[in-house]
Amino acid sequence: MNAKQPACILLALALTGCSSEVTFDDLAGGWTGRTLKQDFEFGYDGQTLMRDHKHGLYKGQCTVSGGNQLTCNFERFSRPVVREIRLPGDELIMTDPNGHDEIYVRK
C-alpha cells in the first residue's frame, strides 16, 4: 500500500457517508427525543404525530425531499417545519435552519 492509498480510502468513506439519502420509509416508526422533550411517530404514508411533553399532541403530514430535507405541516402550526435530516444508525438528527441539532433515538 502506498502513502496515497489511505487518504483515498478515507476520502471515499467520507463521500459515501455524506451522500446517503433518507427516504420516508427509513423514518417510519417511533423516535424518542434525546435533546428535546418531544417524540415522533412517522407513518409510512407520511402521517406524523409529534408529542411535545409540555404542549401536547400535534398531528401532521411530513415529506422528505432532496434526500435529506424533512418538511412537516402540522395542523396547529401556521407554517411548515423544515429540517435537514441524517440517520446515523438508530439516531435521527434534525438540524434546524439556525444549525442546531435535535437528536432522536429509535424506539
C-alpha atoms as a PDB file:
ATOM      1  CA  MET A   1       0.000   0.000   0.000  1.00  0.00           C
ATOM      2  CA  ASN A   2       1.480   3.382  -0.913  1.00  0.00           C
ATOM      3  CA  ALA A   3       1.101   6.610   1.097  1.00  0.00           C
ATOM      4  CA  LYS A   4      -1.746   7.918  -1.082  1.00  0.00           C
ATOM      5  CA  GLN A   5      -3.996   4.883  -0.647  1.00  0.00           C
ATOM      6  CA  PRO A   6      -5.089   5.519   2.988  1.00  0.00           C
ATOM      7  CA  ALA A   7      -6.029   9.111   2.104  1.00  0.00           C
ATOM      8  CA  CYS A   8      -8.038   7.896  -0.905  1.00  0.00           C
ATOM      9  CA  ILE A   9      -9.841   5.317   1.217  1.00  0.00           C
ATOM     10  CA  LEU A  10     -10.743   7.924   3.861  1.00  0.00           C
ATOM     11  CA  LEU A  11     -11.966  10.332   1.188  1.00  0.00           C
ATOM     12  CA  ALA A  12     -14.127   7.601  -0.368  1.00  0.00           C
ATOM     13  CA  LEU A  13     -15.638   6.737   3.017  1.00  0.00           C
ATOM     14  CA  ALA A  14     -16.332  10.401   3.781  1.00  0.00           C
ATOM     15  CA  LEU A  15     -18.021  10.969   0.438  1.00  0.00           C
ATOM     16  CA  THR A  16     -20.121   7.837   0.798  1.00  0.00           C
ATOM     17  CA  GLY A  17     -21.291   8.910   4.255  1.00  0.00           C
ATOM     18  CA  CYS A  18     -22.304  12.347   3.027  1.00  0.00           C
ATOM     19  CA  SER A  19     -24.250  11.157   0.031  1.00  0.00           C
ATOM     20  CA  SER A  20     -26.701   8.801   1.743  1.00  0.00           C
ATOM     21  CA  GLU A  21     -30.250   9.834   1.026  1.00  0.00           C
ATOM     22  CA  VAL A  22     -33.045   9.392   3.551  1.00  0.00           C
ATOM     23  CA  THR A  23     -36.390   8.054   2.377  1.00  0.00           C
ATOM     24  CA  PHE A  24     -39.605   8.294   4.318  1.00  0.00           C
ATOM     25  CA  ASP A  25     -39.532   4.509   4.762  1.00  0.00           C
ATOM     26  CA  ASP A  26     -36.266   4.995   6.703  1.00  0.00           C
ATOM     27  CA  LEU A  27     -38.084   7.340   9.106  1.00  0.00           C
ATOM     28  CA  ALA A  28     -41.200   5.222   9.658  1.00  0.00           C
ATOM     29  CA  GLY A  29     -41.726   4.255  13.269  1.00  0.00           C
ATOM     30  CA  GLY A  30     -41.214   5.849  16.638  1.00  0.00           C
ATOM     31  CA  TRP A  31     -38.478   8.234  17.762  1.00  0.00           C
ATOM     32  CA  THR A  32     -37.768   9.478  21.300  1.00  0.00           C
ATOM     33  CA  GLY A  33     -36.253  12.907  21.801  1.00  0.00           C
ATOM     34  CA  ARG A  34     -32.817  12.883  23.394  1.00  0.00           C
ATOM     35  CA  THR A  35     -32.088  16.611  23.229  1.00  0.00           C
ATOM     36  CA  LEU A  36     -35.694  17.860  23.232  1.00  0.00           C
ATOM     37  CA  LYS A  37     -38.635  16.641  25.264  1.00  0.00           C
ATOM     38  CA  GLN A  38     -40.682  15.523  22.296  1.00  0.00           C
ATOM     39  CA  ASP A  39     -41.275  12.287  20.408  1.00  0.00           C
ATOM     40  CA  PHE A  40     -42.261  11.477  16.831  1.00  0.00           C
ATOM     41  CA  GLU A  41     -44.293   8.696  15.206  1.00  0.00           C
ATOM     42  CA  PHE A  42     -43.874   8.647  11.426  1.00  0.00           C
ATOM     43  CA  GLY A  43     -46.272   6.508   9.383  1.00  0.00           C
ATOM     44  CA  TYR A  44     -45.242   5.058   6.015  1.00  0.00           C
ATOM     45  CA  ASP A  45     -47.889   7.302   4.404  1.00  0.00           C
ATOM     46  CA  GLY A  46     -46.370  10.484   5.853  1.00  0.00           C
ATOM     47  CA  GLN A  47     -48.912  10.870   8.651  1.00  0.00           C
ATOM     48  CA  THR A  48     -46.982  12.117  11.668  1.00  0.00           C
ATOM     49  CA  LEU A  49     -47.652  12.567  15.359  1.00  0.00           C
ATOM     50  CA  MET A  50     -45.397  14.762  17.464  1.00  0.00           C
ATOM     51  CA  ARG A  51     -45.784  14.506  21.225  1.00  0.00           C
ATOM     52  CA  ASP A  52     -44.372  17.552  22.945  1.00  0.00           C
ATOM     53  CA  HIS A  53     -44.022  16.777  26.652  1.00  0.00           C
ATOM     54  CA  LYS A  54     -45.100  20.333  27.575  1.00  0.00           C
ATOM     55  CA  HIS A  55     -47.644  21.275  24.911  1.00  0.00           C
ATOM     56  CA  GLY A  56     -49.388  18.057  23.909  1.00  0.00           C
ATOM     57  CA  LEU A  57     -50.009  16.205  20.674  1.00  0.00           C
ATOM     58  CA  TYR A  58     -49.590  17.602  17.167  1.00  0.00           C
ATOM     59  CA  LYS A  59     -50.891  15.826  14.065  1.00  0.00           C
ATOM     60  CA  GLY A  60     -49.441  16.467  10.647  1.00  0.00           C
ATOM     61  CA  GLN A  61     -48.195  15.302   7.293  1.00  0.00           C
ATOM     62  CA  CYS A  62     -44.462  15.083   6.519  1.00  0.00           C
ATOM     63  CA  THR A  63     -42.459  14.540   3.349  1.00  0.00           C
ATOM     64  CA  VAL A  64     -38.787  14.014   2.552  1.00  0.00           C
ATOM     65  CA  SER A  65     -37.344  15.771  -0.487  1.00  0.00           C
ATOM     66  CA  GLY A  66     -33.869  16.174  -1.910  1.00  0.00           C
ATOM     67  CA  GLY A  67     -32.677  13.139   0.040  1.00  0.00           C
ATOM     68  CA  ASN A  68     -32.326  14.978   3.338  1.00  0.00           C
ATOM     69  CA  GLN A  69     -34.984  17.682   3.778  1.00  0.00           C
ATOM     70  CA  LEU A  70     -37.928  16.894   6.051  1.00  0.00           C
ATOM     71  CA  THR A  71     -40.959  19.176   5.690  1.00  0.00           C
ATOM     72  CA  CYS A  72     -43.815  18.786   8.169  1.00  0.00           C
ATOM     73  CA  ASN A  73     -47.161  20.540   8.034  1.00  0.00           C
ATOM     74  CA  PHE A  74     -48.803  20.292  11.450  1.00  0.00           C
ATOM     75  CA  GLU A  75     -52.479  21.230  11.871  1.00  0.00           C
ATOM     76  CA  ARG A  76     -51.773  23.603  14.771  1.00  0.00           C
ATOM     77  CA  PHE A  77     -48.788  25.415  13.184  1.00  0.00           C
ATOM     78  CA  SER A  78     -49.172  28.391  10.861  1.00  0.00           C
ATOM     79  CA  ARG A  79     -46.224  27.373   8.652  1.00  0.00           C
ATOM     80  CA  PRO A  80     -44.278  24.223   7.780  1.00  0.00           C
ATOM     81  CA  VAL A  81     -41.454  22.918   9.948  1.00  0.00           C
ATOM     82  CA  VAL A  82     -38.386  22.254   7.763  1.00  0.00           C
ATOM     83  CA  ARG A  83     -35.323  20.354   8.949  1.00  0.00           C
ATOM     84  CA  GLU A  84     -32.233  18.841   7.336  1.00  0.00           C
ATOM     85  CA  ILE A  85     -32.098  15.213   8.478  1.00  0.00           C
ATOM     86  CA  ARG A  86     -29.491  12.485   8.870  1.00  0.00           C
ATOM     87  CA  LEU A  87     -29.872   8.896  10.032  1.00  0.00           C
ATOM     88  CA  PRO A  88     -26.609   7.594  11.502  1.00  0.00           C
ATOM     89  CA  GLY A  89     -27.545   4.166  12.848  1.00  0.00           C
ATOM     90  CA  ASP A  90     -30.528   4.283  15.196  1.00  0.00           C
ATOM     91  CA  GLU A  91     -30.354   8.064  15.592  1.00  0.00           C
ATOM     92  CA  LEU A  92     -32.333  10.696  13.752  1.00  0.00           C
ATOM     93  CA  ILE A  93     -30.602  14.067  13.677  1.00  0.00           C
ATOM     94  CA  MET A  94     -32.710  17.040  12.612  1.00  0.00           C
ATOM     95  CA  THR A  95     -30.859  20.296  12.001  1.00  0.00           C
ATOM     96  CA  ASP A  96     -32.912  23.472  12.210  1.00  0.00           C
ATOM     97  CA  PRO A  97     -32.303  26.484   9.932  1.00  0.00           C
ATOM     98  CA  ASN A  98     -30.037  28.021  12.613  1.00  0.00           C
ATOM     99  CA  GLY A  99     -27.738  24.971  12.598  1.00  0.00           C
ATOM    100  CA  HIS A 100     -28.916  23.489  15.927  1.00  0.00           C
ATOM    101  CA  ASP A 101     -29.175  19.703  16.069  1.00  0.00           C
ATOM    102  CA  GLU A 102     -32.165  17.900  17.547  1.00  0.00           C
ATOM    103  CA  ILE A 103     -31.312  14.265  18.285  1.00  0.00           C
ATOM    104  CA  TYR A 104     -33.833  11.406  18.479  1.00  0.00           C
ATOM    105  CA  VAL A 105     -33.321   7.677  19.052  1.00  0.00           C
ATOM    106  CA  ARG A 106     -35.410   4.919  17.504  1.00  0.00           C
ATOM    107  CA  LYS A 107     -37.924   3.360  19.896  1.00  0.00           C
END
